[in-house]
Amino acid sequence: MDAAESMTTPEENIMTGSCLCGAVRYQIIGRLGPMGHCHCNLCRKAHGAAFATFADVRREHFRWLDGEALVKRFQSSRNAQRLFCANCGSHLVWESDLDTERIAIVIATLDDDPIGRPAGHIFVASKAPWFEITDGLPQHDALP
């Protein structure tokens, strides 16, 4: 263990993430908030999957390492933007105008183990009809 590792406390956990092409890289210093699977129509379309998995992080604990100029924003709903790589299209971050202190990280873009595990499913009232949730985690029709 080097000196930097020995000085890192659990509250100062360091993780990195990146897009598919590797041009955009980010770093999180701190703990992730609760992790969850979102089944809303917007997340399904943005990710091309049955759901997307996110975790909140305090904005001041997040920073771009490389490729910030490639990060584009899409206003996906009245109060939210999705940030993605203009090169490969990877969805990296979700931001809400209603909570400017936190952002939501797309867990699949982390290069490191997020340590925590999903706590539940949200917006299951609009989940894909072809997908069955079988993991036993709590399910919420909207935000809990």
N, C-alpha and C. Protein backbone atom coordinates (compact mmCIF):
# COMPACT_ATOMS: atom_id res chain seq x y z
N MET A 1 0.85 -1.17 0.00
CA MET A 1 0.00 0.00 0.00
C MET A 1 0.90 1.23 0.00
N ASP A 2 0.64 2.17 -0.94
CA ASP A 2 1.45 3.38 -0.97
C ASP A 2 0.88 4.43 -0.02
N ALA A 3 1.58 5.56 0.13
CA ALA A 3 1.19 6.59 1.08
C ALA A 3 -0.19 7.16 0.78
N ALA A 4 -0.52 7.35 -0.50
CA ALA A 4 -1.83 7.90 -0.86
C ALA A 4 -2.94 6.95 -0.45
N GLU A 5 -2.74 5.64 -0.63
CA GLU A 5 -3.76 4.67 -0.24
C GLU A 5 -3.94 4.63 1.27
N SER A 6 -2.85 4.73 2.02
CA SER A 6 -2.96 4.65 3.46
C SER A 6 -3.63 5.88 4.05
N MET A 7 -3.66 6.99 3.34
CA MET A 7 -4.29 8.22 3.82
C MET A 7 -5.75 8.30 3.42
N THR A 8 -6.24 7.39 2.63
CA THR A 8 -7.61 7.43 2.16
C THR A 8 -8.53 6.76 3.18
N THR A 9 -9.50 7.50 3.66
CA THR A 9 -10.49 6.94 4.58
C THR A 9 -11.67 6.45 3.76
N PRO A 10 -12.56 5.65 4.36
CA PRO A 10 -13.74 5.21 3.61
C PRO A 10 -14.56 6.36 3.04
N GLU A 11 -14.60 7.50 3.75
CA GLU A 11 -15.33 8.66 3.26
C GLU A 11 -14.64 9.29 2.05
N GLU A 12 -13.35 8.97 1.85
CA GLU A 12 -12.59 9.51 0.74
C GLU A 12 -12.32 8.45 -0.32
N ASN A 13 -13.20 7.50 -0.44
CA ASN A 13 -13.07 6.46 -1.44
C ASN A 13 -12.89 7.11 -2.82
N ILE A 14 -11.95 6.63 -3.61
CA ILE A 14 -11.68 7.20 -4.93
C ILE A 14 -12.06 6.18 -5.99
N MET A 15 -12.90 6.60 -6.91
CA MET A 15 -13.32 5.76 -8.03
C MET A 15 -13.16 6.54 -9.32
N THR A 16 -12.95 5.83 -10.40
CA THR A 16 -12.91 6.46 -11.71
C THR A 16 -13.95 5.80 -12.61
N GLY A 17 -14.32 6.54 -13.65
CA GLY A 17 -15.26 6.03 -14.63
C GLY A 17 -14.89 6.57 -15.99
N SER A 18 -15.48 5.97 -17.03
CA SER A 18 -15.16 6.40 -18.39
C SER A 18 -16.27 5.98 -19.34
N CYS A 19 -16.22 6.57 -20.51
CA CYS A 19 -17.17 6.23 -21.56
C CYS A 19 -16.67 5.01 -22.34
N LEU A 20 -17.47 4.55 -23.29
CA LEU A 20 -17.12 3.37 -24.08
C LEU A 20 -15.82 3.55 -24.87
N CYS A 21 -15.63 4.72 -25.48
CA CYS A 21 -14.43 4.93 -26.29
C CYS A 21 -13.22 5.34 -25.46
N GLY A 22 -13.42 5.68 -24.18
CA GLY A 22 -12.32 6.05 -23.30
C GLY A 22 -11.88 7.50 -23.40
N ALA A 23 -12.52 8.28 -24.25
CA ALA A 23 -12.11 9.68 -24.41
C ALA A 23 -12.52 10.55 -23.23
N VAL A 24 -13.63 10.19 -22.56
CA VAL A 24 -14.10 10.94 -21.40
C VAL A 24 -13.86 10.09 -20.16
N ARG A 25 -13.20 10.69 -19.19
CA ARG A 25 -12.92 10.02 -17.92
C ARG A 25 -13.28 10.95 -16.78
N TYR A 26 -13.77 10.36 -15.69
CA TYR A 26 -14.12 11.15 -14.52
C TYR A 26 -13.62 10.47 -13.25
N GLN A 27 -13.67 11.24 -12.16
CA GLN A 27 -13.23 10.73 -10.86
C GLN A 27 -14.26 11.14 -9.80
N ILE A 28 -14.48 10.24 -8.86
CA ILE A 28 -15.32 10.52 -7.71
C ILE A 28 -14.46 10.31 -6.47
N ILE A 29 -14.44 11.29 -5.60
CA ILE A 29 -13.76 11.16 -4.32
C ILE A 29 -14.83 11.28 -3.25
N GLY A 30 -15.14 10.18 -2.61
CA GLY A 30 -16.21 10.15 -1.62
C GLY A 30 -17.10 8.95 -1.84
N ARG A 31 -18.04 8.81 -0.98
CA ARG A 31 -18.96 7.68 -1.05
C ARG A 31 -20.10 7.96 -2.02
N LEU A 32 -20.55 6.92 -2.68
CA LEU A 32 -21.74 7.00 -3.50
C LEU A 32 -22.96 6.93 -2.59
N GLY A 33 -24.02 7.59 -3.02
CA GLY A 33 -25.29 7.47 -2.31
C GLY A 33 -25.95 6.15 -2.67
N PRO A 34 -27.18 5.96 -2.24
CA PRO A 34 -27.88 4.71 -2.56
C PRO A 34 -27.93 4.45 -4.06
N MET A 35 -27.79 3.19 -4.40
CA MET A 35 -27.80 2.76 -5.80
C MET A 35 -29.17 2.16 -6.10
N GLY A 36 -29.69 2.45 -7.30
CA GLY A 36 -30.97 1.88 -7.66
C GLY A 36 -31.13 1.71 -9.15
N HIS A 37 -32.06 0.83 -9.51
CA HIS A 37 -32.40 0.56 -10.91
C HIS A 37 -33.62 1.40 -11.29
N CYS A 38 -33.50 2.19 -12.35
CA CYS A 38 -34.62 3.01 -12.81
C CYS A 38 -35.22 2.38 -14.07
N HIS A 39 -36.52 2.18 -14.05
CA HIS A 39 -37.24 1.53 -15.15
C HIS A 39 -38.08 2.51 -15.95
N CYS A 40 -37.90 3.83 -15.77
CA CYS A 40 -38.72 4.80 -16.49
C CYS A 40 -38.45 4.72 -18.00
N ASN A 41 -39.39 5.19 -18.78
CA ASN A 41 -39.25 5.15 -20.24
C ASN A 41 -38.00 5.88 -20.72
N LEU A 42 -37.69 7.02 -20.10
CA LEU A 42 -36.54 7.81 -20.53
C LEU A 42 -35.23 7.06 -20.29
N CYS A 43 -35.09 6.46 -19.14
CA CYS A 43 -33.85 5.70 -18.86
C CYS A 43 -33.73 4.50 -19.78
N ARG A 44 -34.84 3.81 -20.01
CA ARG A 44 -34.79 2.66 -20.90
C ARG A 44 -34.33 3.07 -22.29
N LYS A 45 -34.87 4.17 -22.80
CA LYS A 45 -34.49 4.62 -24.15
C LYS A 45 -33.05 5.14 -24.18
N ALA A 46 -32.65 5.88 -23.16
CA ALA A 46 -31.29 6.44 -23.12
C ALA A 46 -30.23 5.34 -23.06
N HIS A 47 -30.55 4.23 -22.42
CA HIS A 47 -29.57 3.16 -22.24
C HIS A 47 -29.77 1.97 -23.16
N GLY A 48 -30.91 1.92 -23.84
CA GLY A 48 -31.18 0.78 -24.71
C GLY A 48 -31.26 -0.52 -23.93
N ALA A 49 -31.83 -0.44 -22.74
CA ALA A 49 -31.88 -1.60 -21.85
C ALA A 49 -33.17 -1.57 -21.03
N ALA A 50 -33.44 -2.64 -20.31
CA ALA A 50 -34.65 -2.74 -19.50
C ALA A 50 -34.66 -1.74 -18.35
N PHE A 51 -33.49 -1.33 -17.89
CA PHE A 51 -33.39 -0.34 -16.82
C PHE A 51 -31.98 0.23 -16.81
N ALA A 52 -31.79 1.30 -16.06
CA ALA A 52 -30.47 1.90 -15.87
C ALA A 52 -30.19 1.95 -14.37
N THR A 53 -28.95 1.77 -14.01
CA THR A 53 -28.57 1.77 -12.60
C THR A 53 -27.76 3.02 -12.30
N PHE A 54 -28.21 3.75 -11.29
CA PHE A 54 -27.60 5.02 -10.91
C PHE A 54 -27.26 5.03 -9.42
N ALA A 55 -26.35 5.93 -9.05
CA ALA A 55 -26.11 6.27 -7.64
C ALA A 55 -25.81 7.75 -7.58
N ASP A 56 -26.32 8.39 -6.56
CA ASP A 56 -26.05 9.80 -6.36
C ASP A 56 -24.65 10.01 -5.81
N VAL A 57 -24.10 11.18 -6.12
CA VAL A 57 -22.83 11.60 -5.55
C VAL A 57 -22.88 13.12 -5.39
N ARG A 58 -22.26 13.61 -4.36
CA ARG A 58 -22.21 15.07 -4.17
C ARG A 58 -21.41 15.68 -5.32
N ARG A 59 -21.93 16.76 -5.89
CA ARG A 59 -21.31 17.39 -7.05
C ARG A 59 -19.85 17.77 -6.78
N GLU A 60 -19.55 18.22 -5.58
CA GLU A 60 -18.16 18.63 -5.30
C GLU A 60 -17.21 17.44 -5.20
N HIS A 61 -17.73 16.23 -5.15
CA HIS A 61 -16.89 15.03 -5.11
C HIS A 61 -16.64 14.43 -6.50
N PHE A 62 -17.16 15.10 -7.53
CA PHE A 62 -17.05 14.62 -8.90
C PHE A 62 -16.21 15.60 -9.72
N ARG A 63 -15.34 15.04 -10.58
CA ARG A 63 -14.60 15.92 -11.50
C ARG A 63 -14.25 15.15 -12.77
N TRP A 64 -14.21 15.90 -13.86
CA TRP A 64 -13.80 15.32 -15.14
C TRP A 64 -12.29 15.22 -15.15
N LEU A 65 -11.75 14.10 -15.59
CA LEU A 65 -10.30 13.92 -15.71
C LEU A 65 -9.83 14.19 -17.13
N ASP A 66 -10.57 13.69 -18.11
CA ASP A 66 -10.23 13.85 -19.52
C ASP A 66 -11.50 13.99 -20.34
N GLY A 67 -11.40 14.71 -21.45
CA GLY A 67 -12.47 14.75 -22.44
C GLY A 67 -13.67 15.59 -22.09
N GLU A 68 -13.57 16.49 -21.15
CA GLU A 68 -14.73 17.29 -20.75
C GLU A 68 -15.33 18.04 -21.94
N ALA A 69 -14.50 18.45 -22.90
CA ALA A 69 -15.00 19.16 -24.09
C ALA A 69 -15.91 18.26 -24.94
N LEU A 70 -15.78 16.94 -24.79
CA LEU A 70 -16.62 15.99 -25.53
C LEU A 70 -17.95 15.71 -24.84
N VAL A 71 -18.10 16.18 -23.60
CA VAL A 71 -19.33 15.92 -22.85
C VAL A 71 -20.42 16.85 -23.35
N LYS A 72 -21.50 16.27 -23.82
CA LYS A 72 -22.65 17.02 -24.32
C LYS A 72 -23.83 16.78 -23.39
N ARG A 73 -24.77 17.72 -23.42
CA ARG A 73 -25.97 17.65 -22.58
C ARG A 73 -27.20 17.49 -23.44
N PHE A 74 -28.12 16.70 -22.93
CA PHE A 74 -29.42 16.55 -23.57
C PHE A 74 -30.49 16.78 -22.52
N GLN A 75 -31.37 17.73 -22.77
CA GLN A 75 -32.48 18.02 -21.85
C GLN A 75 -33.54 16.94 -22.07
N SER A 76 -33.51 15.90 -21.24
CA SER A 76 -34.39 14.75 -21.44
C SER A 76 -35.77 14.92 -20.83
N SER A 77 -35.89 15.86 -19.92
CA SER A 77 -37.19 16.19 -19.33
C SER A 77 -37.13 17.63 -18.83
N ARG A 78 -38.24 18.11 -18.35
CA ARG A 78 -38.32 19.53 -17.97
C ARG A 78 -37.24 19.93 -16.97
N ASN A 79 -36.92 19.06 -16.02
CA ASN A 79 -35.98 19.42 -14.96
C ASN A 79 -34.70 18.61 -14.94
N ALA A 80 -34.39 17.90 -16.03
CA ALA A 80 -33.21 17.03 -15.98
C ALA A 80 -32.46 17.01 -17.31
N GLN A 81 -31.14 16.85 -17.18
CA GLN A 81 -30.28 16.70 -18.35
C GLN A 81 -29.49 15.42 -18.19
N ARG A 82 -29.19 14.83 -19.33
CA ARG A 82 -28.33 13.65 -19.38
C ARG A 82 -27.05 14.07 -20.07
N LEU A 83 -25.92 13.74 -19.46
CA LEU A 83 -24.62 14.08 -20.01
C LEU A 83 -24.02 12.83 -20.64
N PHE A 84 -23.50 13.00 -21.84
CA PHE A 84 -23.00 11.83 -22.59
C PHE A 84 -21.79 12.22 -23.40
N CYS A 85 -21.04 11.22 -23.83
CA CYS A 85 -19.87 11.42 -24.68
C CYS A 85 -20.34 11.64 -26.11
N ALA A 86 -19.91 12.74 -26.73
CA ALA A 86 -20.28 13.04 -28.12
C ALA A 86 -19.63 12.08 -29.10
N ASN A 87 -18.56 11.41 -28.68
CA ASN A 87 -17.86 10.45 -29.55
C ASN A 87 -18.60 9.14 -29.66
N CYS A 88 -18.87 8.51 -28.52
CA CYS A 88 -19.43 7.16 -28.53
C CYS A 88 -20.88 7.09 -28.04
N GLY A 89 -21.38 8.17 -27.45
CA GLY A 89 -22.77 8.20 -27.00
C GLY A 89 -23.02 7.66 -25.61
N SER A 90 -21.97 7.24 -24.91
CA SER A 90 -22.17 6.70 -23.56
C SER A 90 -22.81 7.73 -22.64
N HIS A 91 -23.91 7.34 -22.00
CA HIS A 91 -24.57 8.17 -21.00
C HIS A 91 -23.77 8.04 -19.71
N LEU A 92 -23.30 9.17 -19.18
CA LEU A 92 -22.40 9.17 -18.03
C LEU A 92 -23.04 9.67 -16.74
N VAL A 93 -23.81 10.74 -16.85
CA VAL A 93 -24.33 11.43 -15.67
C VAL A 93 -25.75 11.92 -15.94
N TRP A 94 -26.55 11.97 -14.91
CA TRP A 94 -27.89 12.55 -14.94
C TRP A 94 -27.91 13.68 -13.93
N GLU A 95 -28.38 14.86 -14.35
CA GLU A 95 -28.44 16.02 -13.45
C GLU A 95 -29.87 16.52 -13.36
N SER A 96 -30.27 16.93 -12.17
CA SER A 96 -31.59 17.50 -11.96
C SER A 96 -31.46 18.97 -11.58
N ASP A 97 -32.31 19.81 -12.16
CA ASP A 97 -32.35 21.22 -11.79
C ASP A 97 -32.91 21.40 -10.38
N LEU A 98 -33.59 20.38 -9.88
CA LEU A 98 -34.24 20.46 -8.57
C LEU A 98 -33.29 20.16 -7.41
N ASP A 99 -32.14 19.55 -7.70
CA ASP A 99 -31.13 19.27 -6.68
C ASP A 99 -29.76 19.55 -7.29
N THR A 100 -29.26 20.75 -7.11
CA THR A 100 -28.00 21.15 -7.74
C THR A 100 -26.78 20.71 -6.95
N GLU A 101 -26.98 20.12 -5.77
CA GLU A 101 -25.85 19.68 -4.95
C GLU A 101 -25.42 18.25 -5.26
N ARG A 102 -26.27 17.50 -5.97
CA ARG A 102 -25.98 16.10 -6.25
C ARG A 102 -26.18 15.81 -7.73
N ILE A 103 -25.46 14.82 -8.22
CA ILE A 103 -25.66 14.31 -9.57
C ILE A 103 -25.81 12.80 -9.46
N ALA A 104 -26.32 12.18 -10.50
CA ALA A 104 -26.46 10.72 -10.50
C ALA A 104 -25.48 10.14 -11.53
N ILE A 105 -24.67 9.23 -11.08
CA ILE A 105 -23.67 8.57 -11.92
C ILE A 105 -24.28 7.31 -12.51
N VAL A 106 -24.04 7.08 -13.78
CA VAL A 106 -24.43 5.81 -14.39
C VAL A 106 -23.43 4.76 -13.92
N ILE A 107 -23.88 3.85 -13.10
CA ILE A 107 -22.99 2.87 -12.46
C ILE A 107 -22.21 2.05 -13.49
N ALA A 108 -22.82 1.74 -14.61
CA ALA A 108 -22.14 0.92 -15.62
C ALA A 108 -20.91 1.59 -16.21
N THR A 109 -20.75 2.91 -16.01
CA THR A 109 -19.58 3.59 -16.55
C THR A 109 -18.41 3.63 -15.55
N LEU A 110 -18.62 3.14 -14.34
CA LEU A 110 -17.52 3.09 -13.37
C LEU A 110 -16.49 2.05 -13.80
N ASP A 111 -15.24 2.38 -13.62
CA ASP A 111 -14.15 1.45 -13.90
C ASP A 111 -13.82 0.62 -12.66
N ASP A 112 -14.35 1.05 -11.52
CA ASP A 112 -14.08 0.40 -10.24
C ASP A 112 -15.37 -0.19 -9.67
N ASP A 113 -15.22 -1.10 -8.73
CA ASP A 113 -16.37 -1.66 -8.03
C ASP A 113 -16.97 -0.55 -7.16
N PRO A 114 -18.26 -0.28 -7.31
CA PRO A 114 -18.86 0.79 -6.51
C PRO A 114 -19.03 0.40 -5.05
N ILE A 115 -18.69 -0.80 -4.69
CA ILE A 115 -18.74 -1.35 -3.34
C ILE A 115 -20.18 -1.63 -2.92
N GLY A 116 -21.05 -0.63 -2.96
CA GLY A 116 -22.45 -0.84 -2.62
C GLY A 116 -23.16 -1.65 -3.69
N ARG A 117 -24.36 -2.04 -3.39
CA ARG A 117 -25.18 -2.78 -4.33
C ARG A 117 -26.55 -2.12 -4.42
N PRO A 118 -27.28 -2.35 -5.51
CA PRO A 118 -28.59 -1.70 -5.66
C PRO A 118 -29.52 -1.99 -4.48
N ALA A 119 -30.26 -0.94 -4.11
CA ALA A 119 -31.18 -1.05 -2.98
C ALA A 119 -32.61 -1.29 -3.43
N GLY A 120 -32.91 -1.09 -4.71
CA GLY A 120 -34.27 -1.30 -5.16
C GLY A 120 -34.49 -0.83 -6.59
N HIS A 121 -35.74 -0.90 -6.99
CA HIS A 121 -36.18 -0.53 -8.33
C HIS A 121 -37.16 0.64 -8.22
N ILE A 122 -37.02 1.64 -9.12
CA ILE A 122 -37.97 2.75 -9.15
C ILE A 122 -38.64 2.82 -10.52
N PHE A 123 -39.79 3.45 -10.53
CA PHE A 123 -40.62 3.62 -11.73
C PHE A 123 -40.97 2.28 -12.37
N VAL A 124 -41.25 1.28 -11.53
CA VAL A 124 -41.62 -0.02 -12.07
C VAL A 124 -43.00 -0.01 -12.72
N ALA A 125 -43.79 1.03 -12.45
CA ALA A 125 -45.10 1.13 -13.10
C ALA A 125 -44.94 1.30 -14.61
N SER A 126 -43.77 1.78 -15.05
CA SER A 126 -43.54 1.96 -16.48
C SER A 126 -42.43 1.05 -17.01
N LYS A 127 -42.16 -0.03 -16.29
CA LYS A 127 -41.09 -0.94 -16.72
C LYS A 127 -41.46 -1.60 -18.06
N ALA A 128 -40.45 -2.11 -18.72
CA ALA A 128 -40.65 -2.81 -19.99
C ALA A 128 -41.53 -4.04 -19.76
N PRO A 129 -42.56 -4.22 -20.57
CA PRO A 129 -43.46 -5.36 -20.35
C PRO A 129 -42.79 -6.71 -20.60
N TRP A 130 -41.68 -6.72 -21.31
CA TRP A 130 -40.98 -7.96 -21.61
C TRP A 130 -39.94 -8.32 -20.56
N PHE A 131 -39.80 -7.48 -19.51
CA PHE A 131 -38.79 -7.74 -18.48
C PHE A 131 -39.47 -8.07 -17.17
N GLU A 132 -39.02 -9.13 -16.53
CA GLU A 132 -39.56 -9.53 -15.23
C GLU A 132 -38.50 -9.29 -14.15
N ILE A 133 -38.87 -8.58 -13.11
CA ILE A 133 -37.96 -8.33 -11.99
C ILE A 133 -38.05 -9.55 -11.06
N THR A 134 -36.92 -10.18 -10.84
CA THR A 134 -36.92 -11.41 -10.04
C THR A 134 -35.94 -11.38 -8.87
N ASP A 135 -35.32 -10.23 -8.61
CA ASP A 135 -34.25 -10.21 -7.61
C ASP A 135 -34.71 -10.02 -6.17
N GLY A 136 -35.97 -9.74 -5.91
CA GLY A 136 -36.45 -9.59 -4.54
C GLY A 136 -36.18 -8.24 -3.91
N LEU A 137 -35.53 -7.31 -4.62
CA LEU A 137 -35.32 -5.96 -4.08
C LEU A 137 -36.66 -5.22 -4.04
N PRO A 138 -36.78 -4.22 -3.16
CA PRO A 138 -38.02 -3.44 -3.11
C PRO A 138 -38.32 -2.79 -4.45
N GLN A 139 -39.61 -2.73 -4.79
CA GLN A 139 -40.05 -2.13 -6.04
C GLN A 139 -40.99 -0.97 -5.74
N HIS A 140 -40.77 0.15 -6.45
CA HIS A 140 -41.58 1.35 -6.25
C HIS A 140 -42.14 1.80 -7.59
N ASP A 141 -43.44 2.11 -7.63
CA ASP A 141 -44.06 2.56 -8.87
C ASP A 141 -43.52 3.92 -9.32
N ALA A 142 -43.05 4.73 -8.39
CA ALA A 142 -42.48 6.05 -8.68
C ALA A 142 -41.27 6.20 -7.76
N LEU A 143 -40.89 7.45 -7.45
CA LEU A 143 -39.81 7.66 -6.49
C LEU A 143 -40.32 7.30 -5.10
N PRO A 144 -39.53 6.59 -4.31
CA PRO A 144 -40.00 6.23 -2.95
C PRO A 144 -40.06 7.46 -2.04
